[in-house]
Amino acid sequence: MGSGKSSVGEELSGVTGLPFLDLDTYIQQEEGMSIARLFADHGEIYFRRKEAEHLKKLLASQSKLVLATGGGTPCYGQVMLELLQTPNCITVYLNCSVDTLTKRLWKEKDHRPLISHLTSEELLNDFIRKHLFERSFIYNQAAVKINCDALTTAEIVEQIVLKLL
């Protein structure tokens, strides 16, 4: 969350000529409600199950595209393993420091159901630190890892493209 997956995905799409899809947007269209509403009405586990189902459907379609998943997507069940085992699927981890993520997410926390309840930057920083600690094992399995703190979106896309060659 907050690493720039959607921004980088859109720009990578433009460079590669592949269509771009944001998994959250796709889920909202398929489910007929916002992510915030899904969380509020059904909870995070329900959302993660739906997210995994929709991702499997996209992977099975074998359409070539640039897909931005949510930060929690690869951490549910066997999702990361499925991504890694899907032919021609290349996983990318946009690695940002806790401080970078805190700065970015504090400005937009009200629009993000997982962090909207946090009342200070210190609590947000702790939340991010905890989640990165829990998820780093999964994230670090990605085929491509980019340290994004000091890079622009264009520089991140350039590094991804260079690593894919």
C-alpha atoms as a PDB file:
ATOM      1  CA  MET A   1       0.000   0.000   0.000  1.00  0.00           C
ATOM      2  CA  GLY A   2       1.402   3.350  -1.051  1.00  0.00           C
ATOM      3  CA  SER A   3       4.404   2.019  -2.958  1.00  0.00           C
ATOM      4  CA  GLY A   4       3.124   3.344  -6.284  1.00  0.00           C
ATOM      5  CA  LYS A   5       1.869   0.109  -7.839  1.00  0.00           C
ATOM      6  CA  SER A   6      -0.922   1.782  -9.803  1.00  0.00           C
ATOM      7  CA  SER A   7       1.170   4.747 -10.985  1.00  0.00           C
ATOM      8  CA  VAL A   8       4.069   2.512 -11.980  1.00  0.00           C
ATOM      9  CA  GLY A   9       1.692   0.001 -13.573  1.00  0.00           C
ATOM     10  CA  GLU A  10       0.041   2.654 -15.724  1.00  0.00           C
ATOM     11  CA  GLU A  11       3.384   4.008 -16.904  1.00  0.00           C
ATOM     12  CA  LEU A  12       4.781   0.503 -17.485  1.00  0.00           C
ATOM     13  CA  SER A  13       1.699  -0.218 -19.561  1.00  0.00           C
ATOM     14  CA  GLY A  14       2.432   2.793 -21.735  1.00  0.00           C
ATOM     15  CA  VAL A  15       6.041   1.727 -22.246  1.00  0.00           C
ATOM     16  CA  THR A  16       5.266  -1.922 -23.005  1.00  0.00           C
ATOM     17  CA  GLY A  17       2.046  -1.402 -24.947  1.00  0.00           C
ATOM     18  CA  LEU A  18       0.284  -3.926 -22.698  1.00  0.00           C
ATOM     19  CA  PRO A  19      -3.083  -2.997 -21.212  1.00  0.00           C
ATOM     20  CA  PHE A  20      -3.097  -1.915 -17.552  1.00  0.00           C
ATOM     21  CA  LEU A  21      -5.506  -3.239 -14.936  1.00  0.00           C
ATOM     22  CA  ASP A  22      -5.742  -2.310 -11.277  1.00  0.00           C
ATOM     23  CA  LEU A  23      -7.024  -5.348  -9.367  1.00  0.00           C
ATOM     24  CA  ASP A  24      -8.998  -3.199  -6.901  1.00  0.00           C
ATOM     25  CA  THR A  25     -10.799  -1.433  -9.764  1.00  0.00           C
ATOM     26  CA  TYR A  26     -11.549  -4.799 -11.374  1.00  0.00           C
ATOM     27  CA  ILE A  27     -12.934  -6.163  -8.089  1.00  0.00           C
ATOM     28  CA  GLN A  28     -15.133  -3.098  -7.629  1.00  0.00           C
ATOM     29  CA  GLN A  29     -16.568  -3.550 -11.119  1.00  0.00           C
ATOM     30  CA  GLU A  30     -17.122  -7.289 -10.679  1.00  0.00           C
ATOM     31  CA  GLU A  31     -18.613  -7.007  -7.178  1.00  0.00           C
ATOM     32  CA  GLY A  32     -20.656  -3.869  -7.870  1.00  0.00           C
ATOM     33  CA  MET A  33     -19.384  -2.029  -4.800  1.00  0.00           C
ATOM     34  CA  SER A  34     -16.351  -0.141  -3.544  1.00  0.00           C
ATOM     35  CA  ILE A  35     -13.497  -1.792  -1.703  1.00  0.00           C
ATOM     36  CA  ALA A  36     -14.396   0.268   1.377  1.00  0.00           C
ATOM     37  CA  ARG A  37     -17.986  -1.054   1.203  1.00  0.00           C
ATOM     38  CA  LEU A  38     -16.773  -4.646   0.782  1.00  0.00           C
ATOM     39  CA  PHE A  39     -14.627  -4.236   3.899  1.00  0.00           C
ATOM     40  CA  ALA A  40     -17.403  -2.526   5.866  1.00  0.00           C
ATOM     41  CA  ASP A  41     -20.133  -5.009   4.901  1.00  0.00           C
ATOM     42  CA  HIS A  42     -18.176  -8.270   4.859  1.00  0.00           C
ATOM     43  CA  GLY A  43     -14.758  -7.777   6.516  1.00  0.00           C
ATOM     44  CA  GLU A  44     -11.185  -8.258   5.384  1.00  0.00           C
ATOM     45  CA  ILE A  45     -11.215 -12.075   5.123  1.00  0.00           C
ATOM     46  CA  TYR A  46     -14.215 -11.999   2.759  1.00  0.00           C
ATOM     47  CA  PHE A  47     -12.473  -9.325   0.695  1.00  0.00           C
ATOM     48  CA  ARG A  48      -9.223 -11.332   0.519  1.00  0.00           C
ATOM     49  CA  ARG A  49     -11.138 -14.429  -0.608  1.00  0.00           C
ATOM     50  CA  LYS A  50     -12.887 -12.434  -3.357  1.00  0.00           C
ATOM     51  CA  GLU A  51      -9.603 -10.788  -4.328  1.00  0.00           C
ATOM     52  CA  ALA A  52      -7.941 -14.212  -4.718  1.00  0.00           C
ATOM     53  CA  GLU A  53     -10.892 -15.518  -6.767  1.00  0.00           C
ATOM     54  CA  HIS A  54     -10.773 -12.571  -9.164  1.00  0.00           C
ATOM     55  CA  LEU A  55      -7.000 -12.815  -9.492  1.00  0.00           C
ATOM     56  CA  LYS A  56      -7.251 -16.529 -10.353  1.00  0.00           C
ATOM     57  CA  LYS A  57      -9.816 -15.687 -13.021  1.00  0.00           C
ATOM     58  CA  LEU A  58      -7.447 -13.097 -14.534  1.00  0.00           C
ATOM     59  CA  LEU A  59      -4.475 -15.482 -14.411  1.00  0.00           C
ATOM     60  CA  ALA A  60      -6.518 -18.225 -16.068  1.00  0.00           C
ATOM     61  CA  SER A  61      -7.495 -15.893 -18.914  1.00  0.00           C
ATOM     62  CA  GLN A  62      -3.826 -15.795 -19.979  1.00  0.00           C
ATOM     63  CA  SER A  63      -4.312 -12.228 -21.197  1.00  0.00           C
ATOM     64  CA  LYS A  64      -1.072 -10.279 -21.420  1.00  0.00           C
ATOM     65  CA  LEU A  65      -1.349  -7.223 -19.191  1.00  0.00           C
ATOM     66  CA  VAL A  66       0.257  -5.131 -16.500  1.00  0.00           C
ATOM     67  CA  LEU A  67      -1.638  -5.837 -13.283  1.00  0.00           C
ATOM     68  CA  ALA A  68      -1.369  -3.800 -10.084  1.00  0.00           C
ATOM     69  CA  THR A  69      -2.457  -5.890  -7.116  1.00  0.00           C
ATOM     70  CA  GLY A  70      -3.142  -4.684  -3.606  1.00  0.00           C
ATOM     71  CA  GLY A  71      -0.360  -4.878  -1.038  1.00  0.00           C
ATOM     72  CA  GLY A  72      -2.093  -7.728   0.761  1.00  0.00           C
ATOM     73  CA  THR A  73      -2.941  -9.710  -2.353  1.00  0.00           C
ATOM     74  CA  PRO A  74       0.122 -11.992  -2.455  1.00  0.00           C
ATOM     75  CA  CYS A  75      -0.097 -12.630   1.304  1.00  0.00           C
ATOM     76  CA  TYR A  76      -3.462 -14.412   1.325  1.00  0.00           C
ATOM     77  CA  GLY A  77      -3.414 -18.211   1.171  1.00  0.00           C
ATOM     78  CA  GLN A  78      -1.315 -19.517  -1.694  1.00  0.00           C
ATOM     79  CA  VAL A  79      -1.629 -16.435  -3.931  1.00  0.00           C
ATOM     80  CA  MET A  80       2.098 -15.671  -4.165  1.00  0.00           C
ATOM     81  CA  LEU A  81       2.865 -19.298  -4.981  1.00  0.00           C
ATOM     82  CA  GLU A  82       0.189 -19.239  -7.709  1.00  0.00           C
ATOM     83  CA  LEU A  83       1.651 -16.032  -9.148  1.00  0.00           C
ATOM     84  CA  LEU A  84       5.152 -17.501  -9.149  1.00  0.00           C
ATOM     85  CA  GLN A  85       3.956 -20.724 -10.793  1.00  0.00           C
ATOM     86  CA  THR A  86       1.876 -19.039 -13.503  1.00  0.00           C
ATOM     87  CA  PRO A  87       3.731 -19.199 -16.829  1.00  0.00           C
ATOM     88  CA  ASN A  88       4.783 -15.790 -18.169  1.00  0.00           C
ATOM     89  CA  CYS A  89       3.728 -14.055 -14.942  1.00  0.00           C
ATOM     90  CA  ILE A  90       6.488 -11.794 -13.635  1.00  0.00           C
ATOM     91  CA  THR A  91       6.093 -10.506 -10.095  1.00  0.00           C
ATOM     92  CA  VAL A  92       7.554  -7.134  -9.100  1.00  0.00           C
ATOM     93  CA  TYR A  93       8.063  -5.847  -5.546  1.00  0.00           C
ATOM     94  CA  LEU A  94       8.176  -2.060  -5.246  1.00  0.00           C
ATOM     95  CA  ASN A  95      10.136  -1.765  -2.016  1.00  0.00           C
ATOM     96  CA  CYS A  96       9.745   1.501  -0.084  1.00  0.00           C
ATOM     97  CA  SER A  97      10.956   2.422   3.382  1.00  0.00           C
ATOM     98  CA  VAL A  98       8.545   2.746   6.284  1.00  0.00           C
ATOM     99  CA  ASP A  99       9.126   6.515   6.389  1.00  0.00           C
ATOM    100  CA  THR A 100       8.386   6.935   2.675  1.00  0.00           C
ATOM    101  CA  LEU A 101       5.189   4.904   2.981  1.00  0.00           C
ATOM    102  CA  THR A 102       4.118   6.828   6.094  1.00  0.00           C
ATOM    103  CA  LYS A 103       4.536  10.178   4.315  1.00  0.00           C
ATOM    104  CA  ARG A 104       2.595   9.006   1.263  1.00  0.00           C
ATOM    105  CA  LEU A 105      -0.197   7.220   3.106  1.00  0.00           C
ATOM    106  CA  TRP A 106      -0.861   9.834   5.795  1.00  0.00           C
ATOM    107  CA  LYS A 107      -2.164  12.189   3.090  1.00  0.00           C
ATOM    108  CA  GLU A 108      -4.638   9.628   1.753  1.00  0.00           C
ATOM    109  CA  LYS A 109      -5.460   7.460   4.768  1.00  0.00           C
ATOM    110  CA  ASP A 110      -9.133   8.408   4.798  1.00  0.00           C
ATOM    111  CA  HIS A 111      -9.586   6.658   1.442  1.00  0.00           C
ATOM    112  CA  ARG A 112      -7.936   3.412   2.559  1.00  0.00           C
ATOM    113  CA  PRO A 113     -10.078   1.105   4.693  1.00  0.00           C
ATOM    114  CA  LEU A 114      -7.187  -0.658   6.428  1.00  0.00           C
ATOM    115  CA  ILE A 115      -5.699   2.563   7.806  1.00  0.00           C
ATOM    116  CA  SER A 116      -8.579   5.062   7.927  1.00  0.00           C
ATOM    117  CA  HIS A 117      -9.022   4.527  11.680  1.00  0.00           C
ATOM    118  CA  LEU A 118      -5.432   5.498  12.566  1.00  0.00           C
ATOM    119  CA  THR A 119      -5.255   8.874  14.327  1.00  0.00           C
ATOM    120  CA  SER A 120      -1.571   9.829  14.133  1.00  0.00           C
ATOM    121  CA  GLU A 121       1.417   9.449  11.850  1.00  0.00           C
ATOM    122  CA  GLU A 122       3.140   7.490  14.624  1.00  0.00           C
ATOM    123  CA  LEU A 123       0.323   4.909  14.677  1.00  0.00           C
ATOM    124  CA  LEU A 124       0.421   4.719  10.874  1.00  0.00           C
ATOM    125  CA  ASN A 125       4.195   4.242  10.977  1.00  0.00           C
ATOM    126  CA  ASP A 126       3.776   1.405  13.498  1.00  0.00           C
ATOM    127  CA  PHE A 127       1.046  -0.189  11.349  1.00  0.00           C
ATOM    128  CA  ILE A 128       3.258  -0.069   8.249  1.00  0.00           C
ATOM    129  CA  ARG A 129       6.299  -1.385  10.141  1.00  0.00           C
ATOM    130  CA  LYS A 130       4.259  -4.337  11.484  1.00  0.00           C
ATOM    131  CA  HIS A 131       2.788  -5.195   8.074  1.00  0.00           C
ATOM    132  CA  LEU A 132       6.132  -4.985   6.276  1.00  0.00           C
ATOM    133  CA  PHE A 133       7.674  -7.229   8.926  1.00  0.00           C
ATOM    134  CA  GLU A 134       4.861  -9.775   8.504  1.00  0.00           C
ATOM    135  CA  ARG A 135       4.826  -9.607   4.707  1.00  0.00           C
ATOM    136  CA  SER A 136       8.500  -9.196   3.802  1.00  0.00           C
ATOM    137  CA  PHE A 137       9.051 -12.943   3.391  1.00  0.00           C
ATOM    138  CA  ILE A 138       6.270 -13.062   0.786  1.00  0.00           C
ATOM    139  CA  TYR A 139       7.240  -9.802  -0.950  1.00  0.00           C
ATOM    140  CA  ASN A 140      10.874 -10.831  -1.269  1.00  0.00           C
ATOM    141  CA  GLN A 141       9.880 -13.885  -3.310  1.00  0.00           C
ATOM    142  CA  ALA A 142       9.039 -11.554  -6.232  1.00  0.00           C
ATOM    143  CA  ALA A 143      11.093 -12.117  -9.365  1.00  0.00           C
ATOM    144  CA  VAL A 144      11.972  -8.414  -9.624  1.00  0.00           C
ATOM    145  CA  LYS A 145      12.668  -6.169  -6.632  1.00  0.00           C
ATOM    146  CA  ILE A 146      13.078  -2.410  -6.950  1.00  0.00           C
ATOM    147  CA  ASN A 147      14.094  -0.072  -4.109  1.00  0.00           C
ATOM    148  CA  CYS A 148      11.834   2.898  -4.855  1.00  0.00           C
ATOM    149  CA  ASP A 149      12.595   5.506  -2.182  1.00  0.00           C
ATOM    150  CA  ALA A 150      14.781   7.825  -4.254  1.00  0.00           C
ATOM    151  CA  LEU A 151      13.280   7.070  -7.676  1.00  0.00           C
ATOM    152  CA  THR A 152      10.646   8.755  -9.805  1.00  0.00           C
ATOM    153  CA  THR A 153       7.907   6.688 -11.404  1.00  0.00           C
ATOM    154  CA  ALA A 154       9.741   6.879 -14.744  1.00  0.00           C
ATOM    155  CA  GLU A 155      12.983   5.655 -13.141  1.00  0.00           C
ATOM    156  CA  ILE A 156      11.171   2.739 -11.489  1.00  0.00           C
ATOM    157  CA  VAL A 157       9.607   1.761 -14.830  1.00  0.00           C
ATOM    158  CA  GLU A 158      13.010   1.999 -16.507  1.00  0.00           C
ATOM    159  CA  GLN A 159      14.540  -0.330 -13.893  1.00  0.00           C
ATOM    160  CA  ILE A 160      11.696  -2.835 -14.323  1.00  0.00           C
ATOM    161  CA  VAL A 161      12.083  -2.838 -18.092  1.00  0.00           C
ATOM    162  CA  LEU A 162      15.864  -3.300 -17.812  1.00  0.00           C
ATOM    163  CA  LYS A 163      15.366  -6.267 -15.481  1.00  0.00           C
ATOM    164  CA  LEU A 164      12.864  -7.846 -17.865  1.00  0.00           C
ATOM    165  CA  LEU A 165      15.243  -7.757 -20.834  1.00  0.00           C
END
